[in-house]
Amino acid sequence: MDTHALPVFNTELALRFAEQQAQGPTELRRLFHGRGRCWPGLEQLTADWLGDQLWVSLFKEPEPAFLAQLSKLLVSFTQQTAWSDSGARAVLLQHRSRPGAPVEVLWGELEPRPVVCEQALKYQLELGRNQNHGLFLDMRLGRDWVRQHAQGKRVLNLFAYTCGFSVAAIAGGASQVVNLDMARAALSRGRDNHRLNRHDLKKVTFLGHELFKSWGKVRKLGPYELIIIDPPSFQKGSFALTQDYHKILRRLPELLTENGQVLACVNDPDIPSQFLIDNMAEHAPSLQFVERLDNPPEFADINPEAGLKTLVFSAGS
């Protein structure tokens, strides 16, 4: 990371923050995406607006001079007019490369469990306990797509995490959503997310199981008109994307209705979208590739294949 690039970060952050405040001051949004490699010297830096907290993440330990200047810059940022009018609570710096991904409070006071809004839906985040806070912002348009296509459908949400897709599906009129994730604590937060949105929990099922040991239970609750697959790249002892994704794909024909759809995702920057297209053709040839969803514009990447890949497949003609 390059200290000479920090004025660029300061300019971009001020610009995006002002835009965010004008468009939707309480909406959470990525403000700066250095990981897209569009700003040389800032590739390991991101900044998110979480409703009333500025959340800045360092993905690699910088030189002390860079860290000192960044911290000074962020504290100075709080003296801007737009900031004082925003109702901001805190400026937080997460050190993701350090053990436990600790969070440093640079200004204000951390609210560890904020309720944030995205497209009028509410989500409970958890800041400072884990590396990730509970909602992946690059999947915003994927959640929008699910909301738009869920009406009257039975939905299966695999690797559900905190059930962001499930919340979007119920908001879009899904008749039933089945969430499966081996992390029961994450599913519990997903249940809270549904409650925040006053959803009927009778329409939502939570399965805290390891997927490959639960096919019978998943199949029994189907068939499904829409299946969402959003796995981690690697989950120790349970899932490795390149080794295990096809084991899910080959099960799809027995889980889907005749005209069912699949939203399949890959978030590994080293695995291209063609990986999914080829594997689907080999292991579930009855499903046809329809489209790849755009990523939010704030997640621009010099190599689109390095960003999130969200692909739609259909069992219908």
Protein backbone atom coordinates (compact mmCIF):
# COMPACT_ATOMS: atom_id res chain seq x y z
CA MET A 1 0.00 0.00 0.00
CA ASP A 2 1.24 3.44 -0.96
CA THR A 3 0.94 6.53 1.24
CA HIS A 4 1.06 8.67 -1.92
CA ALA A 5 -2.27 7.15 -2.97
CA LEU A 6 -4.13 8.20 0.19
CA PRO A 7 -5.21 11.61 -1.20
CA VAL A 8 -7.03 9.66 -3.93
CA PHE A 9 -8.79 7.62 -1.26
CA ASN A 10 -9.73 10.80 0.59
CA THR A 11 -11.20 12.37 -2.56
CA GLU A 12 -13.14 9.25 -3.57
CA LEU A 13 -14.43 8.66 -0.06
CA ALA A 14 -15.69 12.25 0.27
CA LEU A 15 -17.38 12.09 -3.13
CA ARG A 16 -19.11 8.73 -2.55
CA PHE A 17 -20.12 9.68 0.96
CA ALA A 18 -21.76 12.88 -0.26
CA GLU A 19 -23.60 10.92 -2.97
CA GLN A 20 -24.74 8.37 -0.44
CA GLN A 21 -26.08 11.01 1.91
CA ALA A 22 -28.00 12.65 -0.94
CA GLN A 23 -29.53 9.39 -2.22
CA GLY A 24 -30.27 7.46 0.95
CA PRO A 25 -28.43 8.43 4.13
CA THR A 26 -29.46 5.35 6.12
CA GLU A 27 -28.85 2.84 3.30
CA LEU A 28 -25.76 0.70 3.74
CA ARG A 29 -23.38 0.77 0.80
CA ARG A 30 -19.77 0.20 -0.28
CA LEU A 31 -18.14 3.63 -0.62
CA PHE A 32 -14.65 2.61 -1.71
CA HIS A 33 -13.63 -0.70 -3.27
CA GLY A 34 -9.87 -0.85 -3.50
CA ARG A 35 -10.09 -4.63 -3.93
CA GLY A 36 -11.25 -4.01 -7.50
CA ARG A 37 -7.71 -2.75 -8.25
CA CYS A 38 -8.94 0.40 -9.93
CA TRP A 39 -6.81 2.59 -7.62
CA PRO A 40 -3.10 1.60 -7.56
CA GLY A 41 -1.63 1.51 -4.08
CA LEU A 42 -5.04 1.06 -2.41
CA GLU A 43 -5.82 -2.55 -3.40
CA GLN A 44 -6.09 -3.74 0.20
CA LEU A 45 -8.48 -1.03 1.40
CA THR A 46 -12.30 -0.82 1.43
CA ALA A 47 -14.81 1.49 3.09
CA ASP A 48 -18.49 0.81 3.83
CA TRP A 49 -21.26 3.02 5.15
CA LEU A 50 -23.31 0.96 7.62
CA GLY A 51 -26.26 3.26 8.24
CA ASP A 52 -24.49 5.51 10.72
CA GLN A 53 -21.01 3.99 11.04
CA LEU A 54 -18.08 4.22 8.62
CA TRP A 55 -16.45 0.78 8.43
CA VAL A 56 -12.98 0.77 6.86
CA SER A 57 -11.16 -2.53 6.31
CA LEU A 58 -7.48 -3.26 5.74
CA PHE A 59 -6.96 -6.67 4.12
CA LYS A 60 -3.17 -6.60 4.50
CA GLU A 61 -0.99 -5.16 7.24
CA PRO A 62 0.38 -1.84 5.93
CA GLU A 63 3.59 -0.04 6.73
CA PRO A 64 3.35 2.00 9.96
CA ALA A 65 3.51 5.26 7.99
CA PHE A 66 0.54 4.26 5.83
CA LEU A 67 -1.49 3.22 8.87
CA ALA A 68 -0.71 6.46 10.71
CA GLN A 69 -1.68 8.64 7.74
CA LEU A 70 -4.83 6.62 7.07
CA SER A 71 -5.95 6.96 10.68
CA LYS A 72 -5.28 10.70 10.62
CA LEU A 73 -7.18 11.06 7.34
CA LEU A 74 -10.22 9.22 8.70
CA VAL A 75 -10.34 11.31 11.86
CA SER A 76 -10.07 14.49 9.75
CA PHE A 77 -12.93 13.19 7.61
CA THR A 78 -15.26 13.61 10.59
CA GLN A 79 -14.73 17.37 10.47
CA GLN A 80 -16.43 17.71 7.09
CA THR A 81 -19.86 19.35 6.85
CA ALA A 82 -21.50 16.33 5.22
CA TRP A 83 -20.26 14.16 8.06
CA SER A 84 -21.59 16.41 10.83
CA ASP A 85 -25.02 16.41 9.17
CA SER A 86 -25.14 12.63 8.72
CA GLY A 87 -25.94 11.55 12.28
CA ALA A 88 -22.79 9.43 12.19
CA ARG A 89 -21.95 7.36 15.22
CA ALA A 90 -18.41 6.08 14.63
CA VAL A 91 -15.41 5.59 12.36
CA LEU A 92 -14.09 2.05 12.63
CA LEU A 93 -10.94 0.46 11.23
CA GLN A 94 -10.90 -3.33 10.89
CA HIS A 95 -7.51 -5.06 10.62
CA ARG A 96 -8.54 -8.19 8.72
CA SER A 97 -5.01 -9.59 8.43
CA ARG A 98 -4.50 -9.62 12.20
CA PRO A 99 -5.60 -12.59 14.34
CA GLY A 100 -9.29 -12.23 15.13
CA ALA A 101 -9.69 -9.30 12.69
CA PRO A 102 -9.79 -6.70 15.52
CA VAL A 103 -11.66 -3.42 15.12
CA GLU A 104 -10.13 -0.10 16.14
CA VAL A 105 -12.45 2.77 17.03
CA LEU A 106 -10.93 5.91 15.52
CA TRP A 107 -13.81 8.25 16.34
CA GLY A 108 -17.08 8.00 18.23
CA GLU A 109 -18.44 4.85 19.82
CA LEU A 110 -18.94 1.44 18.23
CA GLU A 111 -22.50 0.13 18.00
CA PRO A 112 -21.78 -3.63 17.86
CA ARG A 113 -25.25 -4.78 16.71
CA PRO A 114 -26.64 -2.14 14.37
CA VAL A 115 -29.82 -2.64 12.38
CA VAL A 116 -29.18 -1.49 8.81
CA CYS A 117 -31.38 -1.03 5.74
CA GLU A 118 -31.00 -2.24 2.18
CA GLN A 119 -33.80 -1.60 -0.31
CA ALA A 120 -36.22 -0.99 2.61
CA LEU A 121 -35.36 -4.35 4.20
CA LYS A 122 -33.74 -4.53 7.63
CA TYR A 123 -30.75 -6.62 8.66
CA GLN A 124 -28.98 -7.08 11.98
CA LEU A 125 -25.20 -6.82 11.71
CA GLU A 126 -22.65 -7.89 14.28
CA LEU A 127 -19.50 -5.78 14.35
CA GLY A 128 -16.24 -6.66 16.03
CA ARG A 129 -16.86 -10.35 16.79
CA ASN A 130 -16.09 -12.03 13.48
CA GLN A 131 -14.25 -11.22 10.29
CA ASN A 132 -17.53 -10.65 8.41
CA HIS A 133 -20.37 -8.56 9.82
CA GLY A 134 -23.30 -10.55 8.46
CA LEU A 135 -24.26 -9.18 5.04
CA PHE A 136 -22.17 -9.30 1.86
CA LEU A 137 -22.74 -5.97 0.14
CA ASP A 138 -21.58 -7.13 -3.29
CA MET A 139 -24.62 -9.46 -3.40
CA ARG A 140 -27.12 -6.57 -3.29
CA LEU A 141 -28.31 -7.05 -6.86
CA GLY A 142 -28.56 -10.80 -6.31
CA ARG A 143 -30.91 -10.21 -3.39
CA ASP A 144 -32.86 -7.78 -5.59
CA TRP A 145 -33.17 -10.46 -8.30
CA VAL A 146 -34.47 -13.01 -5.79
CA ARG A 147 -37.01 -10.53 -4.46
CA GLN A 148 -38.24 -9.87 -8.00
CA HIS A 149 -38.51 -13.58 -8.92
CA ALA A 150 -39.78 -15.18 -5.69
CA GLN A 151 -43.51 -14.54 -5.96
CA GLY A 152 -45.45 -17.69 -5.03
CA LYS A 153 -42.34 -19.89 -5.15
CA ARG A 154 -40.90 -22.48 -2.80
CA VAL A 155 -37.26 -21.48 -2.37
CA LEU A 156 -34.22 -23.48 -1.20
CA ASN A 157 -31.39 -21.32 0.16
CA LEU A 158 -28.17 -23.32 0.49
CA PHE A 159 -25.27 -21.96 2.59
CA ALA A 160 -27.84 -19.50 3.92
CA TYR A 161 -25.53 -17.76 6.43
CA THR A 162 -27.68 -14.99 8.00
CA CYS A 163 -30.50 -15.56 5.47
CA GLY A 164 -30.20 -12.41 3.39
CA PHE A 165 -31.60 -14.21 0.35
CA SER A 166 -34.40 -15.63 2.47
CA VAL A 167 -35.43 -12.19 3.71
CA ALA A 168 -35.47 -10.94 0.12
CA ALA A 169 -37.48 -13.97 -1.04
CA ILE A 170 -40.20 -13.61 1.62
CA ALA A 171 -40.36 -9.87 0.90
CA GLY A 172 -40.90 -10.82 -2.74
CA GLY A 173 -43.83 -13.09 -1.94
CA ALA A 174 -42.22 -16.54 -1.69
CA SER A 175 -44.63 -19.16 -0.36
CA GLN A 176 -41.89 -20.97 1.60
CA VAL A 177 -38.13 -20.68 2.09
CA VAL A 178 -35.89 -23.47 3.37
CA ASN A 179 -32.56 -22.19 4.74
CA LEU A 180 -29.70 -24.63 5.25
CA ASP A 181 -26.38 -23.81 6.89
CA MET A 182 -24.19 -25.78 9.28
CA ALA A 183 -23.58 -22.59 11.33
CA ARG A 184 -26.60 -22.54 13.59
CA ALA A 185 -25.59 -19.22 15.15
CA ALA A 186 -25.76 -17.62 11.70
CA LEU A 187 -29.20 -19.14 11.12
CA SER A 188 -30.33 -17.72 14.45
CA ARG A 189 -29.33 -14.27 13.22
CA GLY A 190 -31.24 -15.04 10.03
CA ARG A 191 -34.35 -15.72 12.09
CA ASP A 192 -33.83 -12.35 13.77
CA ASN A 193 -33.56 -10.71 10.33
CA HIS A 194 -36.96 -12.11 9.39
CA ARG A 195 -38.43 -10.87 12.67
CA LEU A 196 -37.02 -7.39 12.03
CA ASN A 197 -39.03 -7.34 8.81
CA ARG A 198 -42.14 -8.75 10.51
CA HIS A 199 -42.18 -11.81 8.27
CA ASP A 200 -44.37 -14.81 8.94
CA LEU A 201 -41.91 -17.39 10.30
CA LYS A 202 -44.34 -20.16 9.43
CA LYS A 203 -43.13 -19.63 5.87
CA VAL A 204 -39.46 -20.08 6.81
CA THR A 205 -37.59 -23.28 7.72
CA PHE A 206 -34.11 -23.29 9.28
CA LEU A 207 -31.93 -26.41 8.94
CA GLY A 208 -28.69 -26.27 10.92
CA HIS A 209 -27.08 -29.21 9.13
CA GLU A 210 -24.09 -30.11 6.99
CA LEU A 211 -25.40 -30.18 3.43
CA PHE A 212 -23.89 -33.42 2.18
CA LYS A 213 -25.41 -35.34 5.08
CA SER A 214 -28.88 -33.80 4.63
CA TRP A 215 -30.01 -34.50 1.07
CA GLY A 216 -32.92 -36.64 2.23
CA LYS A 217 -34.31 -33.88 4.45
CA VAL A 218 -33.79 -31.25 1.76
CA ARG A 219 -35.49 -33.38 -0.89
CA LYS A 220 -38.43 -34.14 1.41
CA LEU A 221 -39.18 -30.42 1.81
CA GLY A 222 -39.16 -29.86 -1.97
CA PRO A 223 -39.51 -29.69 -4.84
CA TYR A 224 -38.43 -26.09 -5.30
CA GLU A 225 -39.15 -23.49 -7.96
CA LEU A 226 -35.97 -21.58 -7.04
CA ILE A 227 -32.69 -22.84 -5.58
CA ILE A 228 -29.94 -20.47 -4.40
CA ILE A 229 -26.36 -21.74 -4.06
CA ASP A 230 -23.97 -19.22 -2.50
CA PRO A 231 -21.15 -21.23 -0.94
CA PRO A 232 -17.90 -20.10 0.65
CA SER A 233 -14.80 -20.81 -1.41
CA PHE A 234 -13.58 -23.04 1.38
CA GLN A 235 -15.11 -24.25 4.63
CA LYS A 236 -12.75 -26.45 6.62
CA GLY A 237 -13.95 -30.02 6.89
CA SER A 238 -17.13 -29.52 4.86
CA PHE A 239 -16.74 -27.72 1.53
CA ALA A 240 -14.09 -26.87 -1.05
CA LEU A 241 -15.52 -25.08 -4.07
CA THR A 242 -13.48 -26.74 -6.81
CA GLN A 243 -13.89 -30.21 -5.30
CA ASP A 244 -17.48 -30.16 -4.05
CA TYR A 245 -19.60 -27.77 -6.14
CA HIS A 246 -20.42 -30.47 -8.69
CA LYS A 247 -21.84 -32.67 -5.91
CA ILE A 248 -24.56 -30.05 -5.46
CA LEU A 249 -25.16 -29.45 -9.15
CA ARG A 250 -25.83 -33.10 -9.94
CA ARG A 251 -28.60 -33.11 -7.30
CA LEU A 252 -30.47 -30.18 -8.82
CA PRO A 253 -32.72 -32.09 -11.27
CA GLU A 254 -34.25 -34.12 -8.44
CA LEU A 255 -34.85 -30.99 -6.31
CA LEU A 256 -36.23 -28.60 -8.93
CA THR A 257 -39.69 -28.33 -10.42
CA GLU A 258 -40.07 -28.71 -14.18
CA ASN A 259 -39.51 -25.01 -14.89
CA GLY A 260 -37.40 -24.23 -11.82
CA GLN A 261 -34.56 -21.73 -11.67
CA VAL A 262 -31.14 -21.79 -10.00
CA LEU A 263 -29.11 -18.82 -8.81
CA ALA A 264 -25.55 -20.12 -8.48
CA CYS A 265 -22.65 -18.04 -7.14
CA VAL A 266 -18.86 -18.10 -7.02
CA ASN A 267 -16.96 -15.53 -4.95
CA ASP A 268 -13.41 -16.84 -5.45
CA PRO A 269 -11.46 -14.26 -7.53
CA ASP A 270 -9.40 -17.03 -9.15
CA ILE A 271 -12.36 -19.06 -10.44
CA PRO A 272 -14.14 -17.67 -13.53
CA SER A 273 -17.83 -17.84 -14.30
CA GLN A 274 -17.12 -20.43 -16.99
CA PHE A 275 -16.36 -22.88 -14.17
CA LEU A 276 -20.03 -22.83 -13.21
CA ILE A 277 -21.30 -22.95 -16.78
CA ASP A 278 -19.11 -25.94 -17.64
CA ASN A 279 -19.90 -27.83 -14.44
CA MET A 280 -23.62 -27.26 -14.84
CA ALA A 281 -23.46 -28.55 -18.42
CA GLU A 282 -21.63 -31.66 -17.26
CA HIS A 283 -23.49 -32.51 -14.05
CA ALA A 284 -26.97 -31.02 -14.63
CA PRO A 285 -27.32 -30.77 -18.42
CA SER A 286 -31.08 -30.24 -18.19
CA LEU A 287 -30.40 -26.74 -16.83
CA GLN A 288 -29.56 -24.01 -19.30
CA PHE A 289 -27.46 -20.92 -18.62
CA VAL A 290 -29.64 -17.78 -18.81
CA GLU A 291 -27.59 -14.79 -17.67
CA ARG A 292 -24.94 -13.47 -15.34
CA LEU A 293 -26.20 -10.75 -13.02
CA ASP A 294 -24.35 -7.46 -12.85
CA ASN A 295 -22.45 -6.62 -9.72
CA PRO A 296 -23.27 -3.30 -8.03
CA PRO A 297 -21.43 -0.44 -9.79
CA GLU A 298 -19.59 0.44 -6.59
CA PHE A 299 -17.83 -2.95 -6.85
CA ALA A 300 -16.10 -2.13 -10.14
CA ASP A 301 -13.14 -4.42 -10.89
CA ILE A 302 -10.47 -4.15 -13.59
CA ASN A 303 -11.12 -7.86 -14.20
CA PRO A 304 -14.85 -8.65 -14.01
CA GLU A 305 -14.04 -12.35 -13.61
CA ALA A 306 -12.24 -11.57 -10.35
CA GLY A 307 -15.39 -10.15 -8.78
CA LEU A 308 -18.49 -11.94 -7.60
CA LYS A 309 -20.02 -14.28 -10.19
CA THR A 310 -23.82 -14.68 -9.88
CA LEU A 311 -25.36 -16.82 -12.62
CA VAL A 312 -28.94 -17.76 -13.43
CA PHE A 313 -29.86 -21.18 -14.86
CA SER A 314 -33.27 -22.49 -15.83
CA ALA A 315 -34.75 -25.98 -16.15
CA GLY A 316 -37.37 -24.72 -18.59
CA SER A 317 -36.98 -24.37 -22.32
